[in-house]
Amino acid sequence: MSDCAPPLTIGLPVYNGAAFIGQAIESILAQTYEDFELIISDNASTDGTESVCRTYARADRRVRYVRNETNIGAAPNYNRLLERAASRYFKWAAHDDMLAPEYLARCVEVLDRRPSVVVCHTETIYIDEHGVPCGTFDDRLDLRSPRPHERYRDYLFRPYPKCNAIFGVIRMTALRQTPLLGCYMSSDRVLLGELALRGEIYRVPEPLFLRRDHPYQAWKVNPTRSLMEAWFDPSRKGRITFPSWRLLLEHTRAVMRVPMDWYERLLCLRQLGTWIRQNDGTLVRDLLLRQP
């Protein structure tokens, strides 16, 4: 970590997010914890995103705006933010979500106090496109067992495989040991699973994360798996993909990559084997469809 770098970097990737990005930035700048830098990576937006972001960058020295010449895909744009960060902690922020003022303070306090924690996040409130609360959500991501296979078991077999914690505050030393986000569907699930293998995931019992649900979300405007693959990586547009098999492969690679004793690794692979048996129908459908 650079001596002059703040303890926390917030990386905000965006593409055509003018409708909501101003609210997202304002919620970040209004945090009670102020020792951070906000880096915005604009993936060649064609709407008013650039103008909005440059306005905030001129007004607050903590905000830095960079722009890609072409759309490089969501996953590379997310990962590119890590190249510009030199902090102890890192947090991705979505252009359409918001944070309650105490979010960063609560998460950083946990990471400072508990070195075994690699990700700290909070409970989630869902809001609609107008910012009206729609209800809370329990993602079951409070994984604090000292044993990797128990954290991995509880991660894999949650009733709802959402990954809101990927937008939590992450310990940089753990994040840099991973391949980050891959250019394939559900790579956030693989990354979060690997982080759970590397350390504890701590959920602060306060609803401080405001996750927006609206008609323009990526998975809604890209309803087929081919379109979603292209959203992650434009070079994959039109290719035949096997997303469930890729997910299995990457989960297995993560288990083999993380340092642990042989018995813990065996137990993790056993959990993954159970997960395969529960999802064998999806794996079969992947082979039968064989279409973009």
C-alpha atoms as a PDB file:
ATOM      1  CA  MET A   1       0.000   0.000   0.000  1.00  0.00           C
ATOM      2  CA  SER A   2       1.282   3.454  -0.901  1.00  0.00           C
ATOM      3  CA  ASP A   3       2.120   5.685   2.053  1.00  0.00           C
ATOM      4  CA  CYS A   4      -0.072   8.453   0.627  1.00  0.00           C
ATOM      5  CA  ALA A   5      -3.000   6.239  -0.389  1.00  0.00           C
ATOM      6  CA  PRO A   6      -6.188   6.407   1.681  1.00  0.00           C
ATOM      7  CA  PRO A   7      -7.198   3.217   3.536  1.00  0.00           C
ATOM      8  CA  LEU A   8     -10.139   2.596   1.208  1.00  0.00           C
ATOM      9  CA  THR A   9     -10.674   2.752  -2.543  1.00  0.00           C
ATOM     10  CA  ILE A  10     -14.188   2.680  -3.951  1.00  0.00           C
ATOM     11  CA  GLY A  11     -14.334   1.580  -7.575  1.00  0.00           C
ATOM     12  CA  LEU A  12     -17.447   2.522  -9.537  1.00  0.00           C
ATOM     13  CA  PRO A  13     -17.744   0.939 -13.007  1.00  0.00           C
ATOM     14  CA  VAL A  14     -20.454   2.409 -15.223  1.00  0.00           C
ATOM     15  CA  TYR A  15     -21.920   2.262 -18.699  1.00  0.00           C
ATOM     16  CA  ASN A  16     -24.791   4.583 -19.627  1.00  0.00           C
ATOM     17  CA  GLY A  17     -25.750   5.188 -16.017  1.00  0.00           C
ATOM     18  CA  ALA A  18     -26.730   8.868 -16.170  1.00  0.00           C
ATOM     19  CA  ALA A  19     -30.182   8.208 -14.693  1.00  0.00           C
ATOM     20  CA  PHE A  20     -28.885   7.009 -11.326  1.00  0.00           C
ATOM     21  CA  ILE A  21     -25.159   7.650 -11.002  1.00  0.00           C
ATOM     22  CA  GLY A  22     -25.545  11.075  -9.445  1.00  0.00           C
ATOM     23  CA  GLN A  23     -27.519   9.604  -6.545  1.00  0.00           C
ATOM     24  CA  ALA A  24     -24.951   6.817  -6.130  1.00  0.00           C
ATOM     25  CA  ILE A  25     -22.036   9.266  -5.992  1.00  0.00           C
ATOM     26  CA  GLU A  26     -23.820  11.580  -3.567  1.00  0.00           C
ATOM     27  CA  SER A  27     -24.525   8.711  -1.191  1.00  0.00           C
ATOM     28  CA  ILE A  28     -20.814   7.821  -1.239  1.00  0.00           C
ATOM     29  CA  LEU A  29     -19.628  11.381  -0.674  1.00  0.00           C
ATOM     30  CA  ALA A  30     -22.096  11.740   2.219  1.00  0.00           C
ATOM     31  CA  GLN A  31     -20.473   8.901   4.207  1.00  0.00           C
ATOM     32  CA  THR A  32     -19.476   9.600   7.799  1.00  0.00           C
ATOM     33  CA  TYR A  33     -16.215   7.751   7.048  1.00  0.00           C
ATOM     34  CA  GLU A  34     -14.408  10.178   4.750  1.00  0.00           C
ATOM     35  CA  ASP A  35     -10.898   8.748   4.246  1.00  0.00           C
ATOM     36  CA  PHE A  36     -11.361   7.156   0.812  1.00  0.00           C
ATOM     37  CA  GLU A  37     -10.883   7.756  -2.885  1.00  0.00           C
ATOM     38  CA  LEU A  38     -13.640   7.164  -5.443  1.00  0.00           C
ATOM     39  CA  ILE A  39     -12.487   6.039  -8.888  1.00  0.00           C
ATOM     40  CA  ILE A  40     -15.107   5.979 -11.640  1.00  0.00           C
ATOM     41  CA  SER A  41     -14.382   3.898 -14.738  1.00  0.00           C
ATOM     42  CA  ASP A  42     -16.706   4.880 -17.567  1.00  0.00           C
ATOM     43  CA  ASN A  43     -16.989   2.097 -20.134  1.00  0.00           C
ATOM     44  CA  ALA A  44     -17.423   4.456 -23.134  1.00  0.00           C
ATOM     45  CA  SER A  45     -20.908   5.640 -22.177  1.00  0.00           C
ATOM     46  CA  THR A  46     -22.985   7.300 -24.880  1.00  0.00           C
ATOM     47  CA  ASP A  47     -25.462   9.114 -22.628  1.00  0.00           C
ATOM     48  CA  GLY A  48     -24.834  11.921 -20.128  1.00  0.00           C
ATOM     49  CA  THR A  49     -22.730   9.817 -17.740  1.00  0.00           C
ATOM     50  CA  GLU A  50     -19.454  11.578 -18.552  1.00  0.00           C
ATOM     51  CA  SER A  51     -20.842  15.035 -17.857  1.00  0.00           C
ATOM     52  CA  VAL A  52     -22.321  13.982 -14.507  1.00  0.00           C
ATOM     53  CA  CYS A  53     -19.106  12.301 -13.369  1.00  0.00           C
ATOM     54  CA  ARG A  54     -16.810  15.151 -14.403  1.00  0.00           C
ATOM     55  CA  THR A  55     -18.970  17.568 -12.420  1.00  0.00           C
ATOM     56  CA  TYR A  56     -18.441  15.569  -9.220  1.00  0.00           C
ATOM     57  CA  ALA A  57     -14.721  15.089  -9.967  1.00  0.00           C
ATOM     58  CA  ARG A  58     -14.257  18.854 -10.240  1.00  0.00           C
ATOM     59  CA  ALA A  59     -16.141  19.458  -6.987  1.00  0.00           C
ATOM     60  CA  ASP A  60     -14.476  16.845  -4.732  1.00  0.00           C
ATOM     61  CA  ARG A  61     -10.777  15.932  -4.761  1.00  0.00           C
ATOM     62  CA  ARG A  62     -11.585  12.377  -3.640  1.00  0.00           C
ATOM     63  CA  VAL A  63     -13.309  11.653  -6.970  1.00  0.00           C
ATOM     64  CA  ARG A  64     -11.283  10.545  -9.992  1.00  0.00           C
ATOM     65  CA  TYR A  65     -12.923   9.950 -13.376  1.00  0.00           C
ATOM     66  CA  VAL A  66     -11.395   7.776 -16.113  1.00  0.00           C
ATOM     67  CA  ARG A  67     -12.969   6.784 -19.406  1.00  0.00           C
ATOM     68  CA  ASN A  68     -12.349   3.812 -21.697  1.00  0.00           C
ATOM     69  CA  GLU A  69     -12.108   4.586 -25.407  1.00  0.00           C
ATOM     70  CA  THR A  70     -14.305   1.573 -26.212  1.00  0.00           C
ATOM     71  CA  ASN A  71     -16.655  -0.703 -24.272  1.00  0.00           C
ATOM     72  CA  ILE A  72     -14.334  -3.406 -22.971  1.00  0.00           C
ATOM     73  CA  GLY A  73     -17.095  -5.379 -21.224  1.00  0.00           C
ATOM     74  CA  ALA A  74     -18.362  -5.336 -17.656  1.00  0.00           C
ATOM     75  CA  ALA A  75     -15.874  -7.748 -16.086  1.00  0.00           C
ATOM     76  CA  PRO A  76     -12.708  -6.077 -17.481  1.00  0.00           C
ATOM     77  CA  ASN A  77     -14.102  -2.679 -16.489  1.00  0.00           C
ATOM     78  CA  TYR A  78     -14.711  -3.872 -12.933  1.00  0.00           C
ATOM     79  CA  ASN A  79     -11.228  -5.380 -12.733  1.00  0.00           C
ATOM     80  CA  ARG A  80      -9.493  -2.362 -14.253  1.00  0.00           C
ATOM     81  CA  LEU A  81     -10.434  -0.385 -11.147  1.00  0.00           C
ATOM     82  CA  LEU A  82      -8.131  -2.624  -9.079  1.00  0.00           C
ATOM     83  CA  GLU A  83      -5.191  -1.567 -11.260  1.00  0.00           C
ATOM     84  CA  ARG A  84      -5.647   2.007 -10.037  1.00  0.00           C
ATOM     85  CA  ALA A  85      -6.083   1.169  -6.340  1.00  0.00           C
ATOM     86  CA  ALA A  86      -3.289   1.109  -3.751  1.00  0.00           C
ATOM     87  CA  SER A  87      -5.342   0.974  -0.571  1.00  0.00           C
ATOM     88  CA  ARG A  88      -5.782  -1.469   2.286  1.00  0.00           C
ATOM     89  CA  TYR A  89      -9.468  -2.032   1.516  1.00  0.00           C
ATOM     90  CA  PHE A  90     -11.486  -1.998  -1.701  1.00  0.00           C
ATOM     91  CA  LYS A  91     -15.173  -1.693  -2.482  1.00  0.00           C
ATOM     92  CA  TRP A  92     -17.008  -1.969  -5.781  1.00  0.00           C
ATOM     93  CA  ALA A  93     -20.014   0.330  -6.066  1.00  0.00           C
ATOM     94  CA  ALA A  94     -22.763  -0.042  -8.651  1.00  0.00           C
ATOM     95  CA  HIS A  95     -23.906   3.104 -10.448  1.00  0.00           C
ATOM     96  CA  ASP A  96     -27.545   2.491  -9.528  1.00  0.00           C
ATOM     97  CA  ASP A  97     -27.242   1.544  -5.827  1.00  0.00           C
ATOM     98  CA  MET A  98     -26.942   3.759  -2.765  1.00  0.00           C
ATOM     99  CA  LEU A  99     -25.376   3.597   0.692  1.00  0.00           C
ATOM    100  CA  ALA A 100     -26.718   4.809   4.023  1.00  0.00           C
ATOM    101  CA  PRO A 101     -24.306   7.332   5.613  1.00  0.00           C
ATOM    102  CA  GLU A 102     -22.849   4.839   8.132  1.00  0.00           C
ATOM    103  CA  TYR A 103     -22.127   2.032   5.664  1.00  0.00           C
ATOM    104  CA  LEU A 104     -18.386   2.557   5.231  1.00  0.00           C
ATOM    105  CA  ALA A 105     -17.776   3.369   8.902  1.00  0.00           C
ATOM    106  CA  ARG A 106     -19.436   0.160  10.069  1.00  0.00           C
ATOM    107  CA  CYS A 107     -17.586  -2.044   7.572  1.00  0.00           C
ATOM    108  CA  VAL A 108     -14.132  -0.512   8.005  1.00  0.00           C
ATOM    109  CA  GLU A 109     -14.452  -0.742  11.784  1.00  0.00           C
ATOM    110  CA  VAL A 110     -15.049  -4.507  11.538  1.00  0.00           C
ATOM    111  CA  LEU A 111     -12.124  -5.066   9.149  1.00  0.00           C
ATOM    112  CA  ASP A 112      -9.787  -3.009  11.339  1.00  0.00           C
ATOM    113  CA  ARG A 113     -10.786  -4.981  14.419  1.00  0.00           C
ATOM    114  CA  ARG A 114     -11.049  -8.508  12.986  1.00  0.00           C
ATOM    115  CA  PRO A 115      -8.136  -9.590  10.746  1.00  0.00           C
ATOM    116  CA  SER A 116      -9.861 -12.930  10.021  1.00  0.00           C
ATOM    117  CA  VAL A 117     -12.615 -11.099   8.078  1.00  0.00           C
ATOM    118  CA  VAL A 118     -11.979 -10.605   4.348  1.00  0.00           C
ATOM    119  CA  VAL A 119     -15.363  -9.146   3.368  1.00  0.00           C
ATOM    120  CA  CYS A 120     -17.646  -6.960   5.454  1.00  0.00           C
ATOM    121  CA  HIS A 121     -21.083  -5.894   4.243  1.00  0.00           C
ATOM    122  CA  THR A 122     -24.459  -5.014   5.744  1.00  0.00           C
ATOM    123  CA  GLU A 123     -28.056  -6.053   5.468  1.00  0.00           C
ATOM    124  CA  THR A 124     -29.818  -4.975   2.275  1.00  0.00           C
ATOM    125  CA  ILE A 125     -32.849  -2.846   1.539  1.00  0.00           C
ATOM    126  CA  TYR A 126     -34.241  -3.065  -1.974  1.00  0.00           C
ATOM    127  CA  ILE A 127     -35.454   0.177  -3.550  1.00  0.00           C
ATOM    128  CA  ASP A 128     -37.284   0.780  -6.821  1.00  0.00           C
ATOM    129  CA  GLU A 129     -36.282   3.100  -9.660  1.00  0.00           C
ATOM    130  CA  HIS A 130     -37.715   6.052  -7.711  1.00  0.00           C
ATOM    131  CA  GLY A 131     -35.807   5.201  -4.533  1.00  0.00           C
ATOM    132  CA  VAL A 132     -38.866   3.888  -2.688  1.00  0.00           C
ATOM    133  CA  PRO A 133     -38.019   0.981  -0.307  1.00  0.00           C
ATOM    134  CA  CYS A 134     -39.474  -2.370  -1.415  1.00  0.00           C
ATOM    135  CA  GLY A 135     -38.369  -4.504   1.544  1.00  0.00           C
ATOM    136  CA  THR A 136     -35.297  -6.041   3.144  1.00  0.00           C
ATOM    137  CA  PHE A 137     -33.413  -9.105   1.946  1.00  0.00           C
ATOM    138  CA  ASP A 138     -31.474 -11.728   3.890  1.00  0.00           C
ATOM    139  CA  ASP A 139     -28.745 -13.166   1.666  1.00  0.00           C
ATOM    140  CA  ARG A 140     -27.476 -15.519   4.423  1.00  0.00           C
ATOM    141  CA  LEU A 141     -23.936 -14.247   3.973  1.00  0.00           C
ATOM    142  CA  ASP A 142     -22.702 -14.076   7.541  1.00  0.00           C
ATOM    143  CA  LEU A 143     -19.994 -16.756   7.354  1.00  0.00           C
ATOM    144  CA  ARG A 144     -17.762 -16.687  10.411  1.00  0.00           C
ATOM    145  CA  SER A 145     -16.735 -20.288  11.015  1.00  0.00           C
ATOM    146  CA  PRO A 146     -12.957 -20.668  11.452  1.00  0.00           C
ATOM    147  CA  ARG A 147     -13.053 -23.693   9.099  1.00  0.00           C
ATOM    148  CA  PRO A 148     -13.037 -23.021   5.333  1.00  0.00           C
ATOM    149  CA  HIS A 149     -15.216 -25.998   4.414  1.00  0.00           C
ATOM    150  CA  GLU A 150     -17.963 -24.884   6.791  1.00  0.00           C
ATOM    151  CA  ARG A 151     -17.972 -21.364   5.360  1.00  0.00           C
ATOM    152  CA  TYR A 152     -17.978 -22.836   1.842  1.00  0.00           C
ATOM    153  CA  ARG A 153     -20.853 -25.189   2.677  1.00  0.00           C
ATOM    154  CA  ASP A 154     -22.947 -22.338   4.033  1.00  0.00           C
ATOM    155  CA  TYR A 155     -22.084 -20.239   0.998  1.00  0.00           C
ATOM    156  CA  LEU A 156     -22.977 -22.873  -1.611  1.00  0.00           C
ATOM    157  CA  PHE A 157     -26.257 -24.002  -0.071  1.00  0.00           C
ATOM    158  CA  ARG A 158     -27.986 -20.710   0.623  1.00  0.00           C
ATOM    159  CA  PRO A 159     -31.630 -20.656  -0.512  1.00  0.00           C
ATOM    160  CA  TYR A 160     -31.050 -17.583  -2.716  1.00  0.00           C
ATOM    161  CA  PRO A 161     -27.723 -17.380  -4.609  1.00  0.00           C
ATOM    162  CA  LYS A 162     -27.575 -13.580  -4.653  1.00  0.00           C
ATOM    163  CA  CYS A 163     -24.204 -11.922  -4.148  1.00  0.00           C
ATOM    164  CA  ASN A 164     -24.920  -8.513  -2.626  1.00  0.00           C
ATOM    165  CA  ALA A 165     -21.802  -8.960  -0.488  1.00  0.00           C
ATOM    166  CA  ILE A 166     -19.634  -8.529  -3.593  1.00  0.00           C
ATOM    167  CA  PHE A 167     -20.373  -4.823  -3.068  1.00  0.00           C
ATOM    168  CA  GLY A 168     -19.079  -4.995   0.499  1.00  0.00           C
ATOM    169  CA  VAL A 169     -15.726  -3.685   1.724  1.00  0.00           C
ATOM    170  CA  ILE A 170     -13.035  -6.248   0.850  1.00  0.00           C
ATOM    171  CA  ARG A 171      -9.578  -6.745   2.300  1.00  0.00           C
ATOM    172  CA  MET A 172      -7.221  -5.991  -0.586  1.00  0.00           C
ATOM    173  CA  THR A 173      -4.632  -8.641   0.318  1.00  0.00           C
ATOM    174  CA  ALA A 174      -7.292 -11.343  -0.091  1.00  0.00           C
ATOM    175  CA  LEU A 175      -8.830  -9.854  -3.236  1.00  0.00           C
ATOM    176  CA  ARG A 176      -5.493  -9.613  -5.043  1.00  0.00           C
ATOM    177  CA  GLN A 177      -4.895 -13.338  -4.533  1.00  0.00           C
ATOM    178  CA  THR A 178      -7.952 -14.146  -6.666  1.00  0.00           C
ATOM    179  CA  PRO A 179      -8.377 -13.928 -10.463  1.00  0.00           C
ATOM    180  CA  LEU A 180     -11.001 -11.207  -9.770  1.00  0.00           C
ATOM    181  CA  LEU A 181     -14.135 -11.273 -11.942  1.00  0.00           C
ATOM    182  CA  GLY A 182     -14.045 -13.622 -14.901  1.00  0.00           C
ATOM    183  CA  CYS A 183     -15.502 -12.902 -18.343  1.00  0.00           C
ATOM    184  CA  TYR A 184     -18.369 -15.344 -17.898  1.00  0.00           C
ATOM    185  CA  MET A 185     -21.815 -15.423 -16.319  1.00  0.00           C
ATOM    186  CA  SER A 186     -22.004 -15.621 -12.513  1.00  0.00           C
ATOM    187  CA  SER A 187     -18.294 -14.943 -12.050  1.00  0.00           C
ATOM    188  CA  ASP A 188     -19.259 -12.840  -9.019  1.00  0.00           C
ATOM    189  CA  ARG A 189     -20.525 -16.034  -7.379  1.00  0.00           C
ATOM    190  CA  VAL A 190     -17.172 -17.741  -7.953  1.00  0.00           C
ATOM    191  CA  LEU A 191     -15.212 -14.754  -6.649  1.00  0.00           C
ATOM    192  CA  LEU A 192     -17.314 -14.453  -3.504  1.00  0.00           C
ATOM    193  CA  GLY A 193     -17.020 -18.202  -2.928  1.00  0.00           C
ATOM    194  CA  GLU A 194     -13.244 -17.989  -3.158  1.00  0.00           C
ATOM    195  CA  LEU A 195     -13.182 -15.085  -0.715  1.00  0.00           C
ATOM    196  CA  ALA A 196     -15.259 -17.207   1.680  1.00  0.00           C
ATOM    197  CA  LEU A 197     -12.561 -19.880   1.423  1.00  0.00           C
ATOM    198  CA  ARG A 198      -9.862 -17.321   2.204  1.00  0.00           C
ATOM    199  CA  GLY A 199     -11.517 -15.809   5.271  1.00  0.00           C
ATOM    200  CA  GLU A 200     -14.688 -14.832   7.067  1.00  0.00           C
ATOM    201  CA  ILE A 201     -17.557 -12.870   5.541  1.00  0.00           C
ATOM    202  CA  TYR A 202     -19.105 -10.594   8.156  1.00  0.00           C
ATOM    203  CA  ARG A 203     -22.560  -9.064   7.821  1.00  0.00           C
ATOM    204  CA  VAL A 204     -23.274  -6.003   9.945  1.00  0.00           C
ATOM    205  CA  PRO A 205     -26.860  -6.402  11.291  1.00  0.00           C
ATOM    206  CA  GLU A 206     -28.035  -3.024   9.993  1.00  0.00           C
ATOM    207  CA  PRO A 207     -29.795  -2.367   6.641  1.00  0.00           C
ATOM    208  CA  LEU A 208     -27.306   0.144   5.215  1.00  0.00           C
ATOM    209  CA  PHE A 209     -27.036  -1.066   1.598  1.00  0.00           C
ATOM    210  CA  LEU A 210     -29.743   0.172  -0.774  1.00  0.00           C
ATOM    211  CA  ARG A 211     -29.869  -2.125  -3.809  1.00  0.00           C
ATOM    212  CA  ARG A 212     -31.932  -0.699  -6.660  1.00  0.00           C
ATOM    213  CA  ASP A 213     -34.313  -2.879  -8.654  1.00  0.00           C
ATOM    214  CA  HIS A 214     -35.308  -1.262 -11.956  1.00  0.00           C
ATOM    215  CA  PRO A 215     -36.154  -2.129 -15.587  1.00  0.00           C
ATOM    216  CA  TYR A 216     -32.707  -1.203 -16.934  1.00  0.00           C
ATOM    217  CA  GLN A 217     -30.613  -3.678 -14.969  1.00  0.00           C
ATOM    218  CA  ALA A 218     -28.133  -5.703 -17.013  1.00  0.00           C
ATOM    219  CA  TRP A 219     -29.872  -9.052 -16.541  1.00  0.00           C
ATOM    220  CA  LYS A 220     -33.210  -7.531 -17.593  1.00  0.00           C
ATOM    221  CA  VAL A 221     -31.997  -5.814 -20.760  1.00  0.00           C
ATOM    222  CA  ASN A 222     -29.860  -8.861 -21.642  1.00  0.00           C
ATOM    223  CA  PRO A 223     -32.379 -11.680 -21.112  1.00  0.00           C
ATOM    224  CA  THR A 224     -30.533 -14.487 -22.929  1.00  0.00           C
ATOM    225  CA  ARG A 225     -27.316 -16.113 -21.803  1.00  0.00           C
ATOM    226  CA  SER A 226     -25.632 -15.071 -25.062  1.00  0.00           C
ATOM    227  CA  LEU A 227     -26.437 -11.424 -24.379  1.00  0.00           C
ATOM    228  CA  MET A 228     -25.267 -11.715 -20.776  1.00  0.00           C
ATOM    229  CA  GLU A 229     -22.008 -13.332 -21.886  1.00  0.00           C
ATOM    230  CA  ALA A 230     -21.513 -10.411 -24.288  1.00  0.00           C
ATOM    231  CA  TRP A 231     -22.252  -7.962 -21.441  1.00  0.00           C
ATOM    232  CA  PHE A 232     -19.425  -9.511 -19.427  1.00  0.00           C
ATOM    233  CA  ASP A 233     -17.129  -9.661 -22.462  1.00  0.00           C
ATOM    234  CA  PRO A 234     -18.159  -8.297 -25.917  1.00  0.00           C
ATOM    235  CA  SER A 235     -15.747 -10.676 -27.687  1.00  0.00           C
ATOM    236  CA  ARG A 236     -17.962 -13.609 -26.620  1.00  0.00           C
ATOM    237  CA  LYS A 237     -21.046 -12.350 -28.468  1.00  0.00           C
ATOM    238  CA  GLY A 238     -22.743 -15.140 -30.426  1.00  0.00           C
ATOM    239  CA  ARG A 239     -20.591 -17.947 -29.038  1.00  0.00           C
ATOM    240  CA  ILE A 240     -22.057 -21.221 -27.832  1.00  0.00           C
ATOM    241  CA  THR A 241     -21.562 -21.320 -24.084  1.00  0.00           C
ATOM    242  CA  PHE A 242     -22.021 -23.795 -21.266  1.00  0.00           C
ATOM    243  CA  PRO A 243     -22.445 -21.463 -18.261  1.00  0.00           C
ATOM    244  CA  SER A 244     -23.235 -24.124 -15.660  1.00  0.00           C
ATOM    245  CA  TRP A 245     -20.189 -26.208 -16.627  1.00  0.00           C
ATOM    246  CA  ARG A 246     -18.014 -23.094 -16.587  1.00  0.00           C
ATOM    247  CA  LEU A 247     -19.339 -22.253 -13.130  1.00  0.00           C
ATOM    248  CA  LEU A 248     -18.466 -25.752 -11.890  1.00  0.00           C
ATOM    249  CA  LEU A 249     -14.982 -25.561 -13.425  1.00  0.00           C
ATOM    250  CA  GLU A 250     -14.221 -22.190 -11.848  1.00  0.00           C
ATOM    251  CA  HIS A 251     -15.541 -23.243  -8.424  1.00  0.00           C
ATOM    252  CA  THR A 252     -13.233 -26.273  -8.587  1.00  0.00           C
ATOM    253  CA  ARG A 253     -10.254 -24.140  -9.591  1.00  0.00           C
ATOM    254  CA  ALA A 254     -10.941 -21.824  -6.651  1.00  0.00           C
ATOM    255  CA  VAL A 255     -10.963 -24.723  -4.168  1.00  0.00           C
ATOM    256  CA  MET A 256      -7.676 -26.009  -5.576  1.00  0.00           C
ATOM    257  CA  ARG A 257      -6.092 -22.542  -5.628  1.00  0.00           C
ATOM    258  CA  VAL A 258      -6.714 -21.417  -2.054  1.00  0.00           C
ATOM    259  CA  PRO A 259      -4.004 -22.528   0.422  1.00  0.00           C
ATOM    260  CA  MET A 260      -5.396 -24.992   2.993  1.00  0.00           C
ATOM    261  CA  ASP A 261      -4.458 -28.377   4.419  1.00  0.00           C
ATOM    262  CA  TRP A 262      -5.369 -31.472   2.454  1.00  0.00           C
ATOM    263  CA  TYR A 263      -8.208 -32.488   4.773  1.00  0.00           C
ATOM    264  CA  GLU A 264      -9.939 -29.103   4.522  1.00  0.00           C
ATOM    265  CA  ARG A 265      -9.535 -29.174   0.733  1.00  0.00           C
ATOM    266  CA  LEU A 266     -11.060 -32.642   0.595  1.00  0.00           C
ATOM    267  CA  LEU A 267     -14.033 -31.460   2.666  1.00  0.00           C
ATOM    268  CA  CYS A 268     -14.480 -28.454   0.365  1.00  0.00           C
ATOM    269  CA  LEU A 269     -14.454 -30.714  -2.691  1.00  0.00           C
ATOM    270  CA  ARG A 270     -17.009 -32.929  -0.967  1.00  0.00           C
ATOM    271  CA  GLN A 271     -19.297 -29.910  -0.510  1.00  0.00           C
ATOM    272  CA  LEU A 272     -18.830 -29.062  -4.165  1.00  0.00           C
ATOM    273  CA  GLY A 273     -19.706 -32.652  -5.105  1.00  0.00           C
ATOM    274  CA  THR A 274     -22.997 -32.339  -3.225  1.00  0.00           C
ATOM    275  CA  TRP A 275     -23.645 -29.046  -5.022  1.00  0.00           C
ATOM    276  CA  ILE A 276     -23.071 -30.793  -8.370  1.00  0.00           C
ATOM    277  CA  ARG A 277     -25.604 -33.494  -7.538  1.00  0.00           C
ATOM    278  CA  GLN A 278     -28.170 -30.850  -6.633  1.00  0.00           C
ATOM    279  CA  ASN A 279     -27.565 -29.017  -9.924  1.00  0.00           C
ATOM    280  CA  ASP A 280     -27.119 -31.925 -12.320  1.00  0.00           C
ATOM    281  CA  GLY A 281     -30.310 -30.946 -14.173  1.00  0.00           C
ATOM    282  CA  THR A 282     -28.808 -27.574 -15.067  1.00  0.00           C
ATOM    283  CA  LEU A 283     -25.616 -29.234 -16.266  1.00  0.00           C
ATOM    284  CA  VAL A 284     -27.592 -31.589 -18.517  1.00  0.00           C
ATOM    285  CA  ARG A 285     -29.641 -28.715 -19.959  1.00  0.00           C
ATOM    286  CA  ASP A 286     -26.407 -26.917 -20.823  1.00  0.00           C
ATOM    287  CA  LEU A 287     -25.344 -29.856 -22.990  1.00  0.00           C
ATOM    288  CA  LEU A 288     -28.754 -30.302 -24.603  1.00  0.00           C
ATOM    289  CA  LEU A 289     -29.277 -26.654 -25.505  1.00  0.00           C
ATOM    290  CA  ARG A 290     -25.858 -26.015 -27.028  1.00  0.00           C
ATOM    291  CA  GLN A 291     -26.945 -22.659 -28.370  1.00  0.00           C
ATOM    292  CA  PRO A 292     -25.996 -19.059 -27.766  1.00  0.00           C
END
